[in-house]
Amino acid sequence: MPFTLPTDIQNRPVAVIGAGTLGRRIALMFATRGGEVRIYDRSADAEEAAVAYVRENVAEVAATVEGGSPGRVVFTSDLAEALAGAWLVVEAIPERLDLKKEIFGQLDRAADADAILASNSSSYPTSQFIDRVEHPERVLNMHFYMPPKQNAIDIMSDGHTDRGIIDLLKRELPHYGVFPFEAHKESTGFIFNRVWAAIKRESLAVVAEGVSTPQDVDRMWQINMGTPAGPFRMMDQVGLDVVLDIEEHYAAERPGLPGGPRELLRKYVDAGHLGVKTGRGFYDDYTGGKK
């Protein structure tokens, strides 16, 4: 079914569903054009942290966006209030398929008829949670990494997405300081995550096979790539339990992937050494997590 693209975008709000780490960062980027961003979450505890994060950072980030100016952020626990008039709705709730199906059914019923419905899901293509959606032509993946530092975005059709939506987002999103890249076929991991997964997997493999150590791999990476951290330090920052979940997801789809990297991760996870959040992972020099 053809979709009527939203108009008057500059004068309409963006709604972000979920006030967690990525939700508030997504809201920050859409608050760089002087307009209104609404953050919806059922948890009142999330309100203060999410709104404070955007307000504390929006002036600095808007200054890096051409033509940018600080916008207004509003928190609400009323979904209808969050969606009213929004031209774009970005879902950023936990990675549970049942929750995704439920919220997208609600969004499709309650959002304006010309609103674009996007999911930040990093694990699931939107084709897997549109069974309660009457208008799949307005749904797509719009996956953020970690703005405002990592501002590339994957956009990917749910298999029914109106072509005009993808073209509109490719034109408009750079005005907010984020840069979309289209996955032209459905792809678990989208684009950059698949490349990064291969780097992580091979790094884990050379350690699992006894060829090298996490510290040496990281130091070589730093020297050759000029980055402040290597793959193992970055995996510690993400959480080794999360890294293992991601690897298990890839392995379920691609049974030929080597098992050594997952076995190595499982040893650390089973020992409770999850990285920064527990005080120990591949490294044990973290002071911010639990010891």
Protein backbone atom coordinates (compact mmCIF):
# COMPACT_ATOMS: atom_id res chain seq x y z
CA MET A 1 0.00 0.00 0.00
CA PRO A 2 1.41 3.46 -0.86
CA PHE A 3 2.32 5.59 2.12
CA THR A 4 1.71 9.33 2.41
CA LEU A 5 5.01 10.80 3.53
CA PRO A 6 4.98 13.22 6.47
CA THR A 7 5.12 16.92 5.68
CA ASP A 8 6.05 20.03 7.69
CA ILE A 9 8.75 17.96 9.39
CA GLN A 10 10.57 21.00 10.79
CA ASN A 11 7.52 21.98 12.86
CA ARG A 12 6.54 18.54 14.13
CA PRO A 13 7.99 16.62 17.08
CA VAL A 14 9.95 13.37 17.12
CA ALA A 15 8.89 10.73 19.66
CA VAL A 16 11.39 8.34 21.24
CA ILE A 17 9.89 5.27 22.93
CA GLY A 18 12.21 4.20 25.76
CA ALA A 19 14.39 6.35 28.01
CA GLY A 20 17.34 4.01 28.44
CA THR A 21 20.95 4.63 27.43
CA LEU A 22 20.30 4.63 23.69
CA GLY A 23 16.83 6.16 23.89
CA ARG A 24 18.11 9.31 25.56
CA ARG A 25 21.03 9.54 23.12
CA ILE A 26 18.67 9.24 20.16
CA ALA A 27 16.49 11.95 21.69
CA LEU A 28 19.57 14.14 22.06
CA MET A 29 20.33 13.97 18.34
CA PHE A 30 16.78 14.88 17.34
CA ALA A 31 16.88 17.85 19.73
CA THR A 32 19.64 19.53 17.72
CA ARG A 33 17.37 21.34 15.23
CA GLY A 34 15.46 23.56 17.64
CA GLY A 35 12.31 21.45 17.67
CA GLU A 36 10.57 19.30 20.26
CA VAL A 37 11.50 15.75 21.18
CA ARG A 38 9.24 13.66 23.39
CA ILE A 39 10.61 10.76 25.38
CA TYR A 40 8.07 8.14 26.44
CA ASP A 41 8.73 5.62 29.18
CA ARG A 42 6.46 3.95 31.72
CA SER A 43 9.19 4.16 34.34
CA ALA A 44 9.15 7.44 36.24
CA ASP A 45 12.67 6.65 37.47
CA ALA A 46 13.95 7.10 33.91
CA GLU A 47 12.59 10.62 33.57
CA GLU A 48 15.14 12.63 35.51
CA ALA A 49 18.19 10.90 34.02
CA ALA A 50 16.93 11.02 30.43
CA VAL A 51 15.82 14.65 30.44
CA ALA A 52 18.93 15.77 32.33
CA TYR A 53 21.18 14.00 29.84
CA VAL A 54 19.63 15.75 26.85
CA ARG A 55 19.51 19.16 28.49
CA GLU A 56 23.11 18.93 29.66
CA ASN A 57 24.46 17.98 26.24
CA VAL A 58 22.15 19.47 23.62
CA ALA A 59 23.83 22.86 23.29
CA GLU A 60 27.27 21.34 22.77
CA VAL A 61 26.04 18.73 20.29
CA ALA A 62 23.80 21.17 18.38
CA ALA A 63 26.86 23.37 17.87
CA THR A 64 28.46 20.54 15.86
CA VAL A 65 25.44 20.22 13.53
CA GLU A 66 25.27 22.58 10.57
CA GLY A 67 22.44 25.00 11.21
CA GLY A 68 21.75 23.34 14.55
CA SER A 69 20.20 24.93 17.62
CA PRO A 70 19.17 23.42 20.97
CA GLY A 71 15.64 22.07 20.99
CA ARG A 72 13.16 21.17 23.71
CA VAL A 73 12.86 17.76 25.35
CA VAL A 74 9.69 16.60 27.10
CA PHE A 75 9.22 13.40 29.10
CA THR A 76 5.83 11.70 29.29
CA SER A 77 4.41 8.42 30.56
CA ASP A 78 1.35 8.84 28.32
CA LEU A 79 1.88 7.15 24.96
CA ALA A 80 -0.86 9.09 23.16
CA GLU A 81 0.67 12.35 24.36
CA ALA A 82 4.10 11.29 23.12
CA LEU A 83 2.81 10.36 19.66
CA ALA A 84 0.46 13.27 18.98
CA GLY A 85 1.63 15.07 15.85
CA ALA A 86 4.99 13.26 15.65
CA TRP A 87 6.38 12.77 12.14
CA LEU A 88 8.86 10.13 13.33
CA VAL A 89 8.62 7.59 16.15
CA VAL A 90 11.76 5.71 17.21
CA GLU A 91 11.36 2.63 19.40
CA ALA A 92 14.26 1.96 21.79
CA ILE A 93 12.86 -0.53 24.31
CA PRO A 94 14.59 -3.72 25.59
CA GLU A 95 15.49 -6.42 23.07
CA ARG A 96 12.55 -8.73 23.71
CA LEU A 97 10.57 -9.84 20.70
CA ASP A 98 7.25 -10.02 22.59
CA LEU A 99 7.66 -6.41 23.75
CA LYS A 100 8.52 -5.27 20.23
CA LYS A 101 5.39 -6.90 18.80
CA GLU A 102 3.21 -5.34 21.47
CA ILE A 103 4.58 -1.80 21.18
CA PHE A 104 4.50 -1.70 17.39
CA GLY A 105 0.86 -2.76 17.41
CA GLN A 106 0.17 0.12 19.78
CA LEU A 107 2.22 2.59 17.74
CA ASP A 108 0.48 1.64 14.52
CA ARG A 109 -2.93 2.22 16.08
CA ALA A 110 -2.10 5.46 17.92
CA ALA A 111 0.42 7.39 15.79
CA ASP A 112 -0.60 9.88 13.11
CA ALA A 113 -1.38 8.22 9.79
CA ASP A 114 1.71 9.72 8.14
CA ALA A 115 4.11 8.99 11.02
CA ILE A 116 7.15 6.84 10.26
CA LEU A 117 7.63 4.01 12.77
CA ALA A 118 11.27 3.04 13.27
CA SER A 119 12.92 0.47 15.51
CA ASN A 120 16.37 0.84 17.03
CA SER A 121 16.54 -2.93 17.53
CA SER A 122 20.05 -4.31 17.11
CA SER A 123 18.98 -7.97 17.23
CA TYR A 124 15.74 -8.26 15.29
CA PRO A 125 14.70 -7.14 11.81
CA THR A 126 11.35 -5.38 11.88
CA SER A 127 9.89 -8.13 9.67
CA GLN A 128 9.76 -10.24 12.85
CA PHE A 129 7.46 -7.97 14.84
CA ILE A 130 4.90 -6.49 12.45
CA ASP A 131 2.25 -9.19 12.79
CA ARG A 132 0.06 -6.76 14.80
CA VAL A 133 0.74 -3.86 12.44
CA GLU A 134 -1.86 -2.92 9.82
CA HIS A 135 0.46 -0.58 7.94
CA PRO A 136 3.87 -2.31 7.61
CA GLU A 137 4.69 0.06 4.75
CA ARG A 138 5.60 2.72 7.33
CA VAL A 139 7.82 0.51 9.52
CA LEU A 140 11.56 -0.02 9.26
CA ASN A 141 14.74 -0.57 11.27
CA MET A 142 16.69 2.57 12.08
CA HIS A 143 19.57 1.32 14.17
CA PHE A 144 21.79 3.76 16.07
CA TYR A 145 25.18 2.91 17.54
CA MET A 146 26.28 5.26 20.33
CA PRO A 147 25.60 8.89 19.41
CA PRO A 148 26.74 11.62 19.70
CA LYS A 149 30.19 10.03 19.16
CA GLN A 150 29.17 7.25 16.76
CA ASN A 151 26.70 8.83 14.37
CA ALA A 152 26.32 6.31 11.54
CA ILE A 153 22.88 4.68 11.34
CA ASP A 154 21.68 1.49 9.64
CA ILE A 155 18.30 1.71 7.94
CA MET A 156 16.61 -1.45 6.68
CA SER A 157 13.19 -2.27 5.24
CA ASP A 158 10.79 -4.68 6.93
CA GLY A 159 10.12 -6.10 3.47
CA HIS A 160 7.12 -3.81 2.93
CA THR A 161 8.56 -0.38 3.71
CA ASP A 162 7.55 2.34 1.28
CA ARG A 163 10.60 3.36 -0.75
CA GLY A 164 9.80 7.01 -0.17
CA ILE A 165 10.41 6.63 3.58
CA ILE A 166 13.95 5.38 3.08
CA ASP A 167 14.72 8.15 0.59
CA LEU A 168 13.24 10.79 2.93
CA LEU A 169 15.29 9.58 5.90
CA LYS A 170 18.47 9.50 3.84
CA ARG A 171 17.85 13.16 2.99
CA GLU A 172 16.65 14.40 6.37
CA LEU A 173 18.66 12.56 9.01
CA PRO A 174 22.00 14.27 8.22
CA HIS A 175 20.33 17.56 9.23
CA TYR A 176 20.26 16.14 12.77
CA GLY A 177 23.92 15.15 12.70
CA VAL A 178 23.33 11.44 12.06
CA PHE A 179 24.17 9.65 8.83
CA PRO A 180 22.10 6.77 7.41
CA PHE A 181 23.39 3.82 5.41
CA GLU A 182 20.91 1.47 3.80
CA ALA A 183 21.06 -2.29 4.16
CA HIS A 184 19.73 -3.31 0.76
CA LYS A 185 18.72 -6.78 1.97
CA GLU A 186 17.53 -8.05 5.35
CA SER A 187 20.64 -8.69 7.39
CA THR A 188 21.06 -9.76 11.00
CA GLY A 189 23.58 -7.29 12.37
CA PHE A 190 22.89 -4.82 9.54
CA ILE A 191 26.16 -3.45 8.07
CA PHE A 192 28.72 -2.18 10.57
CA ASN A 193 27.76 -4.64 13.30
CA ARG A 194 28.48 -7.55 10.97
CA VAL A 195 31.91 -6.16 10.14
CA TRP A 196 32.61 -5.52 13.82
CA ALA A 197 31.33 -9.01 14.75
CA ALA A 198 33.90 -10.55 12.42
CA ILE A 199 36.67 -8.52 14.07
CA LYS A 200 35.53 -9.54 17.56
CA ARG A 201 35.14 -13.17 16.55
CA GLU A 202 38.60 -13.47 15.03
CA SER A 203 40.15 -11.62 17.98
CA LEU A 204 38.50 -14.12 20.33
CA ALA A 205 39.65 -17.01 18.11
CA VAL A 206 43.35 -16.14 18.23
CA VAL A 207 43.14 -16.02 22.03
CA ALA A 208 41.01 -19.18 22.31
CA GLU A 209 43.58 -21.02 20.17
CA GLY A 210 46.47 -19.82 22.35
CA VAL A 211 48.01 -17.77 19.55
CA SER A 212 47.94 -14.49 21.47
CA THR A 213 46.58 -12.72 24.55
CA PRO A 214 43.83 -10.09 24.90
CA GLN A 215 46.40 -7.51 25.93
CA ASP A 216 48.68 -8.12 22.93
CA VAL A 217 45.79 -8.12 20.45
CA ASP A 218 44.57 -4.83 21.88
CA ARG A 219 48.00 -3.22 21.85
CA MET A 220 48.59 -4.24 18.23
CA TRP A 221 45.17 -2.85 17.34
CA GLN A 222 45.95 0.46 19.05
CA ILE A 223 49.29 0.80 17.27
CA ASN A 224 48.02 -0.14 13.83
CA MET A 225 44.59 1.52 13.93
CA GLY A 226 45.34 4.55 16.09
CA THR A 227 42.39 3.97 18.40
CA PRO A 228 42.40 4.39 22.20
CA ALA A 229 41.11 0.86 22.85
CA GLY A 230 41.28 -2.54 21.22
CA PRO A 231 38.61 -5.22 20.70
CA PHE A 232 38.94 -6.88 24.12
CA ARG A 233 38.80 -3.63 26.07
CA MET A 234 35.73 -2.63 24.02
CA MET A 235 34.05 -5.99 24.67
CA ASP A 236 34.63 -5.47 28.39
CA GLN A 237 32.89 -2.11 28.11
CA VAL A 238 29.86 -3.62 26.38
CA GLY A 239 29.62 -6.56 28.79
CA LEU A 240 30.81 -10.08 27.97
CA ASP A 241 27.35 -11.51 28.64
CA VAL A 242 25.95 -9.18 25.97
CA VAL A 243 28.77 -10.07 23.58
CA LEU A 244 28.05 -13.77 24.13
CA ASP A 245 24.32 -13.27 23.50
CA ILE A 246 25.12 -11.52 20.22
CA GLU A 247 27.48 -14.31 19.16
CA GLU A 248 24.88 -16.95 20.03
CA HIS A 249 22.37 -15.08 17.89
CA TYR A 250 24.73 -15.05 14.91
CA ALA A 251 25.60 -18.73 15.43
CA ALA A 252 21.92 -19.72 15.46
CA GLU A 253 21.57 -18.24 11.98
CA ARG A 254 24.95 -19.39 10.69
CA PRO A 255 25.72 -22.84 12.09
CA GLY A 256 29.15 -22.94 10.44
CA LEU A 257 30.66 -20.25 12.67
CA PRO A 258 33.57 -21.50 14.85
CA GLY A 259 32.68 -22.38 18.44
CA GLY A 260 35.99 -21.35 20.05
CA PRO A 261 35.11 -17.66 20.46
CA ARG A 262 31.82 -18.51 22.21
CA GLU A 263 33.53 -21.07 24.45
CA LEU A 264 36.07 -18.48 25.55
CA LEU A 265 33.35 -15.93 26.29
CA ARG A 266 31.33 -18.54 28.18
CA LYS A 267 34.24 -19.23 30.56
CA TYR A 268 34.31 -15.58 31.58
CA VAL A 269 30.53 -15.26 31.80
CA ASP A 270 30.18 -18.45 33.87
CA ALA A 271 32.82 -17.10 36.26
CA GLY A 272 30.88 -13.85 36.62
CA HIS A 273 33.62 -11.81 34.94
CA LEU A 274 31.47 -9.66 32.66
CA GLY A 275 33.77 -6.68 32.17
CA VAL A 276 33.49 -3.14 33.47
CA LYS A 277 30.11 -3.69 35.15
CA THR A 278 31.48 -6.41 37.44
CA GLY A 279 34.98 -4.97 37.83
CA ARG A 280 36.66 -7.76 35.88
CA GLY A 281 36.54 -9.22 32.40
CA PHE A 282 39.45 -9.71 30.02
CA TYR A 283 41.01 -6.98 32.17
CA ASP A 284 40.84 -6.68 35.96
CA ASP A 285 41.74 -3.00 36.38
CA TYR A 286 38.22 -1.58 36.57
CA THR A 287 37.39 0.42 39.66
CA GLY A 288 33.85 1.49 38.78
CA GLY A 289 32.20 -1.95 38.79
CA LYS A 290 31.68 -4.45 41.59
CA LYS A 291 34.71 -6.34 42.77
